[in-house]
Amino acid sequence: MGLAANIFHDDGSMSAHALGDFLGDAVDGRVHLDVDGELGVLEIETETGTGSMSMIEPFPGVMVTYNNFTMERCVSGFSTTSELLCVDWCREGRLEQPMPGGTYSYVVEGDLKIDDRSNHLGEFVLPTGRYCGVTVTYEVNRAQQAVDRALGGFPVSLRKLRERYCDGERPLLLHGCDDAARILSKLYLVPQKVRRSYCQIKALELLLFLHSFDPLPIERGSYYPRSQVERVKAARDLMLCDLSRTVTVEEAASFACMPLTTFKVCFKGVYGSSPAAYVRRVRMEHAAQLLRETSMRVSDVGGAVGYESPSKFSAAFKAAWGIPPAEYRRTK
């Protein structure tokens, strides 16, 4: 997720043809681009879901992208020879990215990821089927020239920021970065008629934040070995293959050939919650679907998601959705 450079005319205006050609090659799936003035909207459809990227260029060489994906995975063919500084802020969901050395990194809600897109090829997995957030992409040379023209004396060197934060191997991850959230979350509140001007302010404010951030060195996030992640995913599939049957956490850890504590830690790293909480959420989502789309008795719905006792199912459903299952069916 995120965009490349070199997709604009020399005057800074968006080139729909260049952008469509580039992204058609870089993303595995059906791609449709709509450009309306200063705003471009890219829609992506793959076998596992859909996504959209709404793009606006506040300065020449700077792109702000609103990412909204509901899918299981997306394959990126992205590569560039341009010097980029890319900042991703996750508003909602999770994004798994393969890393050099056979590990995976995870960007989760509230995280800030900084890299130069030198390792952006491959399959990106959305473990919870959802990713929403903002990407700000700076093409170092053109963005620096544009910022210097717009604001004389601006103290930030984009090249120095790139050298400071991007080591060419792994992205830098700042977990739960409140300052970034304060800057970038406001982009979702601004009216359309002033969005470009607001994006200019926020693109500059983000650079000032990166320029002043201290201390260094910075931890580069949490990484999980590929072998562990693959075994955890296989155990997750086992737990979900028949929701009417309970697979204990101990059984899942044994299936994954992992110590219980290691299994729990890796599972939470991949899916964002404990195994028990994750399965409970999936069960309640499936129960809600059955109540909406079928005429099954409430007790049978409970049995289908692993509850032999109707009263326990009703209590669990109300805890998840705020109302009992029978009332949920009437209102939906």
C-alpha atoms as a PDB file:
ATOM      1  CA  MET A   1       0.000   0.000   0.000  1.00  0.00           C
ATOM      2  CA  GLY A   2       1.198   3.467  -0.673  1.00  0.00           C
ATOM      3  CA  LEU A   3       2.175   5.114  -3.942  1.00  0.00           C
ATOM      4  CA  ALA A   4       5.209   5.708  -6.077  1.00  0.00           C
ATOM      5  CA  ALA A   5       6.769   8.825  -7.451  1.00  0.00           C
ATOM      6  CA  ASN A   6       7.079   9.901 -11.099  1.00  0.00           C
ATOM      7  CA  ILE A   7       3.312   9.873 -11.731  1.00  0.00           C
ATOM      8  CA  PHE A   8       2.917  13.611 -12.231  1.00  0.00           C
ATOM      9  CA  HIS A   9       3.392  16.070 -15.058  1.00  0.00           C
ATOM     10  CA  ASP A  10       6.269  18.540 -14.818  1.00  0.00           C
ATOM     11  CA  ASP A  11       3.858  21.209 -13.631  1.00  0.00           C
ATOM     12  CA  GLY A  12       2.876  19.010 -10.685  1.00  0.00           C
ATOM     13  CA  SER A  13      -0.554  18.008 -11.978  1.00  0.00           C
ATOM     14  CA  MET A  14      -1.620  14.408 -11.718  1.00  0.00           C
ATOM     15  CA  SER A  15      -1.144  12.261 -14.815  1.00  0.00           C
ATOM     16  CA  ALA A  16      -4.094   9.889 -14.908  1.00  0.00           C
ATOM     17  CA  HIS A  17      -2.622   7.872 -17.764  1.00  0.00           C
ATOM     18  CA  ALA A  18       0.772   7.424 -16.072  1.00  0.00           C
ATOM     19  CA  LEU A  19      -0.825   6.637 -12.728  1.00  0.00           C
ATOM     20  CA  GLY A  20      -3.219   4.094 -14.186  1.00  0.00           C
ATOM     21  CA  ASP A  21      -0.479   2.365 -16.173  1.00  0.00           C
ATOM     22  CA  PHE A  22       1.858   2.252 -13.189  1.00  0.00           C
ATOM     23  CA  LEU A  23      -0.648   0.919 -10.674  1.00  0.00           C
ATOM     24  CA  GLY A  24      -2.132  -1.513 -13.173  1.00  0.00           C
ATOM     25  CA  ASP A  25       1.286  -3.148 -13.314  1.00  0.00           C
ATOM     26  CA  ALA A  26       2.117  -2.783  -9.603  1.00  0.00           C
ATOM     27  CA  VAL A  27      -1.046  -4.259  -8.066  1.00  0.00           C
ATOM     28  CA  ASP A  28      -2.249  -7.814  -8.594  1.00  0.00           C
ATOM     29  CA  GLY A  29      -5.958  -7.462  -9.293  1.00  0.00           C
ATOM     30  CA  ARG A  30      -8.505  -5.432 -11.245  1.00  0.00           C
ATOM     31  CA  VAL A  31      -7.722  -1.730 -11.036  1.00  0.00           C
ATOM     32  CA  HIS A  32      -9.920   1.250 -11.901  1.00  0.00           C
ATOM     33  CA  LEU A  33      -8.761   4.839 -11.638  1.00  0.00           C
ATOM     34  CA  ASP A  34     -10.970   7.928 -11.553  1.00  0.00           C
ATOM     35  CA  VAL A  35      -9.327  11.359 -11.577  1.00  0.00           C
ATOM     36  CA  ASP A  36     -11.482  14.388 -10.832  1.00  0.00           C
ATOM     37  CA  GLY A  37      -9.447  17.564 -10.703  1.00  0.00           C
ATOM     38  CA  GLU A  38      -6.956  17.355  -7.832  1.00  0.00           C
ATOM     39  CA  LEU A  39      -8.359  14.104  -6.407  1.00  0.00           C
ATOM     40  CA  GLY A  40      -7.664  10.622  -7.757  1.00  0.00           C
ATOM     41  CA  VAL A  41      -9.493   7.514  -6.538  1.00  0.00           C
ATOM     42  CA  LEU A  42      -8.079   4.101  -7.278  1.00  0.00           C
ATOM     43  CA  GLU A  43     -10.343   1.088  -6.767  1.00  0.00           C
ATOM     44  CA  ILE A  44      -8.831  -2.399  -6.507  1.00  0.00           C
ATOM     45  CA  GLU A  45     -10.614  -5.726  -6.637  1.00  0.00           C
ATOM     46  CA  THR A  46      -8.873  -9.037  -5.957  1.00  0.00           C
ATOM     47  CA  GLU A  47     -10.070 -12.562  -5.338  1.00  0.00           C
ATOM     48  CA  THR A  48     -10.124 -11.888  -1.588  1.00  0.00           C
ATOM     49  CA  GLY A  49     -11.854  -8.493  -1.421  1.00  0.00           C
ATOM     50  CA  THR A  50     -11.769  -4.845  -2.397  1.00  0.00           C
ATOM     51  CA  GLY A  51      -9.806  -1.730  -1.614  1.00  0.00           C
ATOM     52  CA  SER A  52      -9.609   1.940  -2.475  1.00  0.00           C
ATOM     53  CA  MET A  53      -6.897   4.583  -2.409  1.00  0.00           C
ATOM     54  CA  SER A  54      -7.935   8.241  -2.523  1.00  0.00           C
ATOM     55  CA  MET A  55      -4.979  10.425  -3.519  1.00  0.00           C
ATOM     56  CA  ILE A  56      -4.251  14.111  -3.390  1.00  0.00           C
ATOM     57  CA  GLU A  57      -1.012  15.982  -4.131  1.00  0.00           C
ATOM     58  CA  PRO A  58      -0.586  18.923  -1.709  1.00  0.00           C
ATOM     59  CA  PHE A  59       2.846  19.847  -3.136  1.00  0.00           C
ATOM     60  CA  PRO A  60       4.722  18.676  -6.231  1.00  0.00           C
ATOM     61  CA  GLY A  61       6.468  15.473  -5.206  1.00  0.00           C
ATOM     62  CA  VAL A  62       4.237  14.896  -2.154  1.00  0.00           C
ATOM     63  CA  MET A  63       1.272  12.507  -2.208  1.00  0.00           C
ATOM     64  CA  VAL A  64      -1.282  11.963   0.559  1.00  0.00           C
ATOM     65  CA  THR A  65      -3.187   8.700   0.157  1.00  0.00           C
ATOM     66  CA  TYR A  66      -6.231   7.537   2.108  1.00  0.00           C
ATOM     67  CA  ASN A  67      -6.098   3.717   2.118  1.00  0.00           C
ATOM     68  CA  ASN A  68      -9.223   1.634   2.759  1.00  0.00           C
ATOM     69  CA  PHE A  69      -8.899  -2.127   2.231  1.00  0.00           C
ATOM     70  CA  THR A  70     -11.271  -4.962   3.077  1.00  0.00           C
ATOM     71  CA  MET A  71      -9.520  -8.059   1.813  1.00  0.00           C
ATOM     72  CA  GLU A  72      -7.340 -10.928   2.966  1.00  0.00           C
ATOM     73  CA  ARG A  73      -4.235 -10.191   0.912  1.00  0.00           C
ATOM     74  CA  CYS A  74      -2.820  -8.015  -1.835  1.00  0.00           C
ATOM     75  CA  VAL A  75       0.222  -8.660  -4.021  1.00  0.00           C
ATOM     76  CA  SER A  76       2.422  -5.639  -4.748  1.00  0.00           C
ATOM     77  CA  GLY A  77       4.777  -5.369  -7.695  1.00  0.00           C
ATOM     78  CA  PHE A  78       5.955  -1.954  -6.543  1.00  0.00           C
ATOM     79  CA  SER A  79       9.524  -0.895  -7.256  1.00  0.00           C
ATOM     80  CA  THR A  80      11.113   2.485  -7.877  1.00  0.00           C
ATOM     81  CA  THR A  81      14.495   4.056  -8.503  1.00  0.00           C
ATOM     82  CA  SER A  82      13.380   7.363  -6.966  1.00  0.00           C
ATOM     83  CA  GLU A  83      14.500   8.485  -3.533  1.00  0.00           C
ATOM     84  CA  LEU A  84      11.353   8.219  -1.433  1.00  0.00           C
ATOM     85  CA  LEU A  85      10.444   8.837   2.177  1.00  0.00           C
ATOM     86  CA  CYS A  86       7.130   7.124   2.939  1.00  0.00           C
ATOM     87  CA  VAL A  87       5.158   7.448   6.161  1.00  0.00           C
ATOM     88  CA  ASP A  88       2.211   5.112   6.841  1.00  0.00           C
ATOM     89  CA  TRP A  89      -0.192   5.622   9.732  1.00  0.00           C
ATOM     90  CA  CYS A  90      -2.634   2.832  10.560  1.00  0.00           C
ATOM     91  CA  ARG A  91      -6.044   4.057  11.629  1.00  0.00           C
ATOM     92  CA  GLU A  92      -7.716   0.641  11.809  1.00  0.00           C
ATOM     93  CA  GLY A  93      -6.860  -3.008  11.167  1.00  0.00           C
ATOM     94  CA  ARG A  94      -3.557  -4.820  10.651  1.00  0.00           C
ATOM     95  CA  LEU A  95      -1.050  -5.214   7.847  1.00  0.00           C
ATOM     96  CA  GLU A  96       1.506  -8.019   7.581  1.00  0.00           C
ATOM     97  CA  GLN A  97       4.628  -7.429   5.493  1.00  0.00           C
ATOM     98  CA  PRO A  98       7.389  -9.944   4.664  1.00  0.00           C
ATOM     99  CA  MET A  99      10.843  -8.779   5.726  1.00  0.00           C
ATOM    100  CA  PRO A 100      14.368  -9.765   4.696  1.00  0.00           C
ATOM    101  CA  GLY A 101      15.724 -12.675   6.717  1.00  0.00           C
ATOM    102  CA  GLY A 102      12.527 -14.689   6.765  1.00  0.00           C
ATOM    103  CA  THR A 103      10.489 -12.624   9.229  1.00  0.00           C
ATOM    104  CA  TYR A 104       7.188 -10.708   9.196  1.00  0.00           C
ATOM    105  CA  SER A 105       6.419  -7.268  10.573  1.00  0.00           C
ATOM    106  CA  TYR A 106       2.979  -5.996  11.577  1.00  0.00           C
ATOM    107  CA  VAL A 107       1.548  -2.503  11.354  1.00  0.00           C
ATOM    108  CA  VAL A 108      -1.438  -2.188  13.678  1.00  0.00           C
ATOM    109  CA  GLU A 109      -3.880   0.480  14.785  1.00  0.00           C
ATOM    110  CA  GLY A 110      -2.052   3.582  15.979  1.00  0.00           C
ATOM    111  CA  ASP A 111       1.324   2.587  14.492  1.00  0.00           C
ATOM    112  CA  LEU A 112       3.554   4.716  12.306  1.00  0.00           C
ATOM    113  CA  LYS A 113       5.712   3.000   9.681  1.00  0.00           C
ATOM    114  CA  ILE A 114       8.561   4.814   7.934  1.00  0.00           C
ATOM    115  CA  ASP A 115      10.522   3.429   4.980  1.00  0.00           C
ATOM    116  CA  ASP A 116      11.795   4.210   1.496  1.00  0.00           C
ATOM    117  CA  ARG A 117       9.846   1.447  -0.307  1.00  0.00           C
ATOM    118  CA  SER A 118      13.051  -0.378  -1.209  1.00  0.00           C
ATOM    119  CA  ASN A 119      11.472  -3.625   0.050  1.00  0.00           C
ATOM    120  CA  HIS A 120       7.878  -3.329  -1.088  1.00  0.00           C
ATOM    121  CA  LEU A 121       7.574  -6.308  -3.401  1.00  0.00           C
ATOM    122  CA  GLY A 122       5.561  -9.369  -2.446  1.00  0.00           C
ATOM    123  CA  GLU A 123       2.369 -10.367  -0.723  1.00  0.00           C
ATOM    124  CA  PHE A 124       0.822  -8.171   1.955  1.00  0.00           C
ATOM    125  CA  VAL A 125      -1.592 -10.005   4.243  1.00  0.00           C
ATOM    126  CA  LEU A 126      -4.417  -8.402   6.237  1.00  0.00           C
ATOM    127  CA  PRO A 127      -4.778 -10.874   9.144  1.00  0.00           C
ATOM    128  CA  THR A 128      -8.117  -9.393  10.242  1.00  0.00           C
ATOM    129  CA  GLY A 129      -9.297  -8.656   6.691  1.00  0.00           C
ATOM    130  CA  ARG A 130      -9.136  -4.907   7.263  1.00  0.00           C
ATOM    131  CA  TYR A 131      -6.663  -2.058   6.861  1.00  0.00           C
ATOM    132  CA  CYS A 132      -7.437   1.657   6.928  1.00  0.00           C
ATOM    133  CA  GLY A 133      -4.939   4.478   7.173  1.00  0.00           C
ATOM    134  CA  VAL A 134      -3.005   7.325   5.600  1.00  0.00           C
ATOM    135  CA  THR A 135       0.209   7.257   3.574  1.00  0.00           C
ATOM    136  CA  VAL A 136       2.289  10.382   2.981  1.00  0.00           C
ATOM    137  CA  THR A 137       4.892   9.863   0.235  1.00  0.00           C
ATOM    138  CA  TYR A 138       7.689  12.371  -0.310  1.00  0.00           C
ATOM    139  CA  GLU A 139       9.811  12.192  -3.459  1.00  0.00           C
ATOM    140  CA  VAL A 140      12.912  13.661  -1.854  1.00  0.00           C
ATOM    141  CA  ASN A 141      14.221  15.996  -4.568  1.00  0.00           C
ATOM    142  CA  ARG A 142      10.958  17.380  -5.915  1.00  0.00           C
ATOM    143  CA  ALA A 143       9.305  17.614  -2.510  1.00  0.00           C
ATOM    144  CA  GLN A 144      12.282  19.486  -1.049  1.00  0.00           C
ATOM    145  CA  GLN A 145      12.202  22.010  -3.878  1.00  0.00           C
ATOM    146  CA  ALA A 146       8.451  22.510  -3.501  1.00  0.00           C
ATOM    147  CA  VAL A 147       8.630  22.941   0.277  1.00  0.00           C
ATOM    148  CA  ASP A 148      11.533  25.379   0.024  1.00  0.00           C
ATOM    149  CA  ARG A 149       9.636  27.462  -2.545  1.00  0.00           C
ATOM    150  CA  ALA A 150       6.468  27.482  -0.452  1.00  0.00           C
ATOM    151  CA  LEU A 151       8.097  28.152   2.907  1.00  0.00           C
ATOM    152  CA  GLY A 152      11.499  29.815   2.926  1.00  0.00           C
ATOM    153  CA  GLY A 153      13.729  28.825   5.816  1.00  0.00           C
ATOM    154  CA  PHE A 154      11.929  25.530   6.516  1.00  0.00           C
ATOM    155  CA  PRO A 155      14.430  23.664   8.744  1.00  0.00           C
ATOM    156  CA  VAL A 156      13.884  20.114   7.490  1.00  0.00           C
ATOM    157  CA  SER A 157      16.136  18.241   5.066  1.00  0.00           C
ATOM    158  CA  LEU A 158      14.193  15.384   3.491  1.00  0.00           C
ATOM    159  CA  ARG A 159      17.406  13.649   2.454  1.00  0.00           C
ATOM    160  CA  LYS A 160      18.686  13.702   6.043  1.00  0.00           C
ATOM    161  CA  LEU A 161      15.346  12.365   7.291  1.00  0.00           C
ATOM    162  CA  ARG A 162      15.561   9.532   4.781  1.00  0.00           C
ATOM    163  CA  GLU A 163      19.106   8.721   5.877  1.00  0.00           C
ATOM    164  CA  ARG A 164      18.066   8.861   9.526  1.00  0.00           C
ATOM    165  CA  TYR A 165      14.958   6.689   9.354  1.00  0.00           C
ATOM    166  CA  CYS A 166      15.507   4.356   6.392  1.00  0.00           C
ATOM    167  CA  ASP A 167      18.256   1.781   6.607  1.00  0.00           C
ATOM    168  CA  GLY A 168      17.319   0.027   3.365  1.00  0.00           C
ATOM    169  CA  GLU A 169      16.419  -3.251   5.058  1.00  0.00           C
ATOM    170  CA  ARG A 170      13.489  -2.963   7.446  1.00  0.00           C
ATOM    171  CA  PRO A 171      10.832  -0.302   7.978  1.00  0.00           C
ATOM    172  CA  LEU A 172      10.919   1.648  11.193  1.00  0.00           C
ATOM    173  CA  LEU A 173       7.809   1.042  13.315  1.00  0.00           C
ATOM    174  CA  LEU A 174       6.649   3.386  16.055  1.00  0.00           C
ATOM    175  CA  HIS A 175       3.986   1.591  18.061  1.00  0.00           C
ATOM    176  CA  GLY A 176       1.082   3.593  19.455  1.00  0.00           C
ATOM    177  CA  CYS A 177       2.469   6.885  18.175  1.00  0.00           C
ATOM    178  CA  ASP A 178       0.096   9.457  19.693  1.00  0.00           C
ATOM    179  CA  ASP A 179       1.800  12.434  18.058  1.00  0.00           C
ATOM    180  CA  ALA A 180       1.369  10.914  14.621  1.00  0.00           C
ATOM    181  CA  ALA A 181      -2.265  10.121  15.384  1.00  0.00           C
ATOM    182  CA  ARG A 182      -2.832  13.730  16.433  1.00  0.00           C
ATOM    183  CA  ILE A 183      -1.390  14.965  13.134  1.00  0.00           C
ATOM    184  CA  LEU A 184      -2.848  12.487  10.680  1.00  0.00           C
ATOM    185  CA  SER A 185      -6.225  11.577  12.173  1.00  0.00           C
ATOM    186  CA  LYS A 186      -7.424  15.122  11.480  1.00  0.00           C
ATOM    187  CA  LEU A 187      -7.170  14.383   7.752  1.00  0.00           C
ATOM    188  CA  TYR A 188     -10.401  12.401   8.065  1.00  0.00           C
ATOM    189  CA  LEU A 189     -12.316  15.380   9.453  1.00  0.00           C
ATOM    190  CA  VAL A 190     -11.458  18.128   6.971  1.00  0.00           C
ATOM    191  CA  PRO A 191     -14.119  19.208   4.403  1.00  0.00           C
ATOM    192  CA  GLN A 192     -13.414  18.296   0.790  1.00  0.00           C
ATOM    193  CA  LYS A 193     -13.265  21.929  -0.371  1.00  0.00           C
ATOM    194  CA  VAL A 194     -10.190  22.684   1.780  1.00  0.00           C
ATOM    195  CA  ARG A 195      -8.615  19.217   1.787  1.00  0.00           C
ATOM    196  CA  ARG A 196      -5.623  20.062  -0.408  1.00  0.00           C
ATOM    197  CA  SER A 197      -4.678  23.092   1.702  1.00  0.00           C
ATOM    198  CA  TYR A 198      -5.124  21.081   4.879  1.00  0.00           C
ATOM    199  CA  CYS A 199      -2.951  18.283   3.471  1.00  0.00           C
ATOM    200  CA  GLN A 200      -0.238  20.869   2.805  1.00  0.00           C
ATOM    201  CA  ILE A 201      -0.245  21.860   6.467  1.00  0.00           C
ATOM    202  CA  LYS A 202      -0.223  18.272   7.690  1.00  0.00           C
ATOM    203  CA  ALA A 203       2.532  17.186   5.286  1.00  0.00           C
ATOM    204  CA  LEU A 204       4.726  19.968   6.689  1.00  0.00           C
ATOM    205  CA  GLU A 205       3.730  19.246  10.284  1.00  0.00           C
ATOM    206  CA  LEU A 206       4.623  15.580   9.810  1.00  0.00           C
ATOM    207  CA  LEU A 207       8.090  16.552   8.558  1.00  0.00           C
ATOM    208  CA  LEU A 208       8.610  18.776  11.600  1.00  0.00           C
ATOM    209  CA  PHE A 209       7.595  15.896  13.862  1.00  0.00           C
ATOM    210  CA  LEU A 210      10.071  13.522  12.206  1.00  0.00           C
ATOM    211  CA  HIS A 211      12.764  16.210  12.312  1.00  0.00           C
ATOM    212  CA  SER A 212      12.355  16.810  16.065  1.00  0.00           C
ATOM    213  CA  PHE A 213      11.591  13.253  17.187  1.00  0.00           C
ATOM    214  CA  ASP A 214      13.943  12.029  19.903  1.00  0.00           C
ATOM    215  CA  PRO A 215      15.564   9.938  21.255  1.00  0.00           C
ATOM    216  CA  LEU A 216      17.552   7.796  18.859  1.00  0.00           C
ATOM    217  CA  PRO A 217      18.272   4.978  18.276  1.00  0.00           C
ATOM    218  CA  ILE A 218      14.679   3.884  17.734  1.00  0.00           C
ATOM    219  CA  GLU A 219      13.448   0.331  18.108  1.00  0.00           C
ATOM    220  CA  ARG A 220      12.458  -1.040  14.740  1.00  0.00           C
ATOM    221  CA  GLY A 221       9.327  -2.846  15.823  1.00  0.00           C
ATOM    222  CA  SER A 222       8.461  -6.472  16.510  1.00  0.00           C
ATOM    223  CA  TYR A 223       9.246  -9.215  14.033  1.00  0.00           C
ATOM    224  CA  TYR A 224       8.123 -12.827  14.007  1.00  0.00           C
ATOM    225  CA  PRO A 225       9.889 -15.727  12.273  1.00  0.00           C
ATOM    226  CA  ARG A 226       8.111 -16.952   9.164  1.00  0.00           C
ATOM    227  CA  SER A 227       8.043 -20.540  10.440  1.00  0.00           C
ATOM    228  CA  GLN A 228       6.210 -19.486  13.623  1.00  0.00           C
ATOM    229  CA  VAL A 229       3.737 -17.298  11.730  1.00  0.00           C
ATOM    230  CA  GLU A 230       2.891 -20.089   9.304  1.00  0.00           C
ATOM    231  CA  ARG A 231       2.290 -22.546  12.154  1.00  0.00           C
ATOM    232  CA  VAL A 232       0.137 -20.045  14.032  1.00  0.00           C
ATOM    233  CA  LYS A 233      -1.940 -19.463  10.890  1.00  0.00           C
ATOM    234  CA  ALA A 234      -2.410 -23.218  10.450  1.00  0.00           C
ATOM    235  CA  ALA A 235      -3.541 -23.489  14.076  1.00  0.00           C
ATOM    236  CA  ARG A 236      -5.927 -20.574  13.564  1.00  0.00           C
ATOM    237  CA  ASP A 237      -7.459 -22.404  10.584  1.00  0.00           C
ATOM    238  CA  LEU A 238      -7.873 -25.487  12.762  1.00  0.00           C
ATOM    239  CA  MET A 239      -9.712 -23.480  15.423  1.00  0.00           C
ATOM    240  CA  LEU A 240     -12.070 -21.993  12.838  1.00  0.00           C
ATOM    241  CA  CYS A 241     -12.687 -24.983  10.565  1.00  0.00           C
ATOM    242  CA  ASP A 242     -15.731 -26.059  12.635  1.00  0.00           C
ATOM    243  CA  LEU A 243     -17.113 -23.337  14.894  1.00  0.00           C
ATOM    244  CA  SER A 244     -19.486 -25.801  16.568  1.00  0.00           C
ATOM    245  CA  ARG A 245     -16.458 -27.579  18.030  1.00  0.00           C
ATOM    246  CA  THR A 246     -14.078 -26.083  20.586  1.00  0.00           C
ATOM    247  CA  VAL A 247     -10.358 -26.437  20.034  1.00  0.00           C
ATOM    248  CA  THR A 248      -8.563 -25.430  23.221  1.00  0.00           C
ATOM    249  CA  VAL A 249      -5.576 -23.107  23.164  1.00  0.00           C
ATOM    250  CA  GLU A 250      -3.459 -25.980  24.454  1.00  0.00           C
ATOM    251  CA  GLU A 251      -4.575 -28.182  21.555  1.00  0.00           C
ATOM    252  CA  ALA A 252      -3.871 -25.386  19.068  1.00  0.00           C
ATOM    253  CA  ALA A 253      -0.382 -24.807  20.509  1.00  0.00           C
ATOM    254  CA  SER A 254       0.330 -28.525  20.346  1.00  0.00           C
ATOM    255  CA  PHE A 255      -0.866 -28.627  16.735  1.00  0.00           C
ATOM    256  CA  ALA A 256       1.525 -25.747  15.979  1.00  0.00           C
ATOM    257  CA  CYS A 257       4.373 -27.586  17.752  1.00  0.00           C
ATOM    258  CA  MET A 258       4.997 -24.511  19.899  1.00  0.00           C
ATOM    259  CA  PRO A 259       5.222 -23.892  23.662  1.00  0.00           C
ATOM    260  CA  LEU A 260       1.948 -22.458  24.942  1.00  0.00           C
ATOM    261  CA  THR A 261       3.394 -19.059  25.909  1.00  0.00           C
ATOM    262  CA  THR A 262       5.236 -18.660  22.598  1.00  0.00           C
ATOM    263  CA  PHE A 263       2.084 -19.602  20.720  1.00  0.00           C
ATOM    264  CA  LYS A 264      -0.022 -17.032  22.576  1.00  0.00           C
ATOM    265  CA  VAL A 265       2.542 -14.256  22.028  1.00  0.00           C
ATOM    266  CA  CYS A 266       2.918 -14.979  18.310  1.00  0.00           C
ATOM    267  CA  PHE A 267      -0.851 -15.371  17.814  1.00  0.00           C
ATOM    268  CA  LYS A 268      -1.480 -11.967  19.369  1.00  0.00           C
ATOM    269  CA  GLY A 269       1.301 -10.478  17.258  1.00  0.00           C
ATOM    270  CA  VAL A 270      -0.350 -11.766  14.079  1.00  0.00           C
ATOM    271  CA  TYR A 271      -4.046 -11.302  14.883  1.00  0.00           C
ATOM    272  CA  GLY A 272      -4.055  -8.633  17.570  1.00  0.00           C
ATOM    273  CA  SER A 273      -5.834 -10.583  20.307  1.00  0.00           C
ATOM    274  CA  SER A 274      -5.570 -13.764  22.306  1.00  0.00           C
ATOM    275  CA  PRO A 275      -6.620 -17.005  20.603  1.00  0.00           C
ATOM    276  CA  ALA A 276      -9.722 -17.267  22.805  1.00  0.00           C
ATOM    277  CA  ALA A 277     -10.825 -13.676  22.135  1.00  0.00           C
ATOM    278  CA  TYR A 278     -10.210 -14.061  18.407  1.00  0.00           C
ATOM    279  CA  VAL A 279     -12.308 -17.239  18.114  1.00  0.00           C
ATOM    280  CA  ARG A 280     -15.065 -15.694  20.236  1.00  0.00           C
ATOM    281  CA  ARG A 281     -15.225 -12.676  17.910  1.00  0.00           C
ATOM    282  CA  VAL A 282     -15.393 -14.874  14.799  1.00  0.00           C
ATOM    283  CA  ARG A 283     -18.135 -16.961  16.392  1.00  0.00           C
ATOM    284  CA  MET A 284     -20.224 -13.921  17.225  1.00  0.00           C
ATOM    285  CA  GLU A 285     -19.774 -12.464  13.731  1.00  0.00           C
ATOM    286  CA  HIS A 286     -20.876 -15.764  12.192  1.00  0.00           C
ATOM    287  CA  ALA A 287     -23.817 -16.017  14.585  1.00  0.00           C
ATOM    288  CA  ALA A 288     -24.928 -12.518  13.588  1.00  0.00           C
ATOM    289  CA  GLN A 289     -24.708 -13.492   9.919  1.00  0.00           C
ATOM    290  CA  LEU A 290     -26.826 -16.601  10.495  1.00  0.00           C
ATOM    291  CA  LEU A 291     -29.434 -14.562  12.346  1.00  0.00           C
ATOM    292  CA  ARG A 292     -29.607 -12.039   9.500  1.00  0.00           C
ATOM    293  CA  GLU A 293     -29.535 -14.435   6.575  1.00  0.00           C
ATOM    294  CA  THR A 294     -31.263 -17.636   7.721  1.00  0.00           C
ATOM    295  CA  SER A 295     -34.398 -18.704   9.567  1.00  0.00           C
ATOM    296  CA  MET A 296     -32.511 -21.038  11.932  1.00  0.00           C
ATOM    297  CA  ARG A 297     -33.810 -21.129  15.488  1.00  0.00           C
ATOM    298  CA  VAL A 298     -31.763 -19.059  17.896  1.00  0.00           C
ATOM    299  CA  SER A 299     -30.791 -22.177  19.844  1.00  0.00           C
ATOM    300  CA  ASP A 300     -29.579 -23.828  16.637  1.00  0.00           C
ATOM    301  CA  VAL A 301     -27.533 -20.767  15.763  1.00  0.00           C
ATOM    302  CA  GLY A 302     -25.929 -21.014  19.181  1.00  0.00           C
ATOM    303  CA  GLY A 303     -25.126 -24.667  18.588  1.00  0.00           C
ATOM    304  CA  ALA A 304     -23.609 -23.858  15.211  1.00  0.00           C
ATOM    305  CA  VAL A 305     -21.093 -21.549  16.864  1.00  0.00           C
ATOM    306  CA  GLY A 306     -20.200 -23.819  19.754  1.00  0.00           C
ATOM    307  CA  TYR A 307     -22.759 -23.043  22.487  1.00  0.00           C
ATOM    308  CA  GLU A 308     -24.795 -25.997  23.737  1.00  0.00           C
ATOM    309  CA  SER A 309     -26.562 -23.797  26.288  1.00  0.00           C
ATOM    310  CA  PRO A 310     -28.985 -21.228  24.781  1.00  0.00           C
ATOM    311  CA  SER A 311     -28.614 -19.018  27.843  1.00  0.00           C
ATOM    312  CA  LYS A 312     -24.806 -18.939  27.550  1.00  0.00           C
ATOM    313  CA  PHE A 313     -25.071 -18.169  23.848  1.00  0.00           C
ATOM    314  CA  SER A 314     -27.534 -15.357  24.514  1.00  0.00           C
ATOM    315  CA  ALA A 315     -25.241 -13.872  27.168  1.00  0.00           C
ATOM    316  CA  ALA A 316     -22.179 -14.095  24.917  1.00  0.00           C
ATOM    317  CA  PHE A 317     -24.050 -12.587  21.973  1.00  0.00           C
ATOM    318  CA  LYS A 318     -25.369  -9.696  24.054  1.00  0.00           C
ATOM    319  CA  ALA A 319     -21.861  -9.021  25.374  1.00  0.00           C
ATOM    320  CA  ALA A 320     -20.607  -8.808  21.784  1.00  0.00           C
ATOM    321  CA  TRP A 321     -23.457  -6.904  20.110  1.00  0.00           C
ATOM    322  CA  GLY A 322     -25.252  -5.147  22.955  1.00  0.00           C
ATOM    323  CA  ILE A 323     -28.617  -6.887  22.448  1.00  0.00           C
ATOM    324  CA  PRO A 324     -29.885 -10.504  22.744  1.00  0.00           C
ATOM    325  CA  PRO A 325     -29.879 -12.624  19.546  1.00  0.00           C
ATOM    326  CA  ALA A 326     -33.678 -12.638  19.134  1.00  0.00           C
ATOM    327  CA  GLU A 327     -33.818  -8.855  19.295  1.00  0.00           C
ATOM    328  CA  TYR A 328     -30.865  -8.593  16.916  1.00  0.00           C
ATOM    329  CA  ARG A 329     -32.779 -10.680  14.360  1.00  0.00           C
ATOM    330  CA  ARG A 330     -35.871  -8.459  14.648  1.00  0.00           C
ATOM    331  CA  THR A 331     -33.888  -5.229  14.205  1.00  0.00           C
ATOM    332  CA  LYS A 332     -31.695  -6.447  11.342  1.00  0.00           C
END
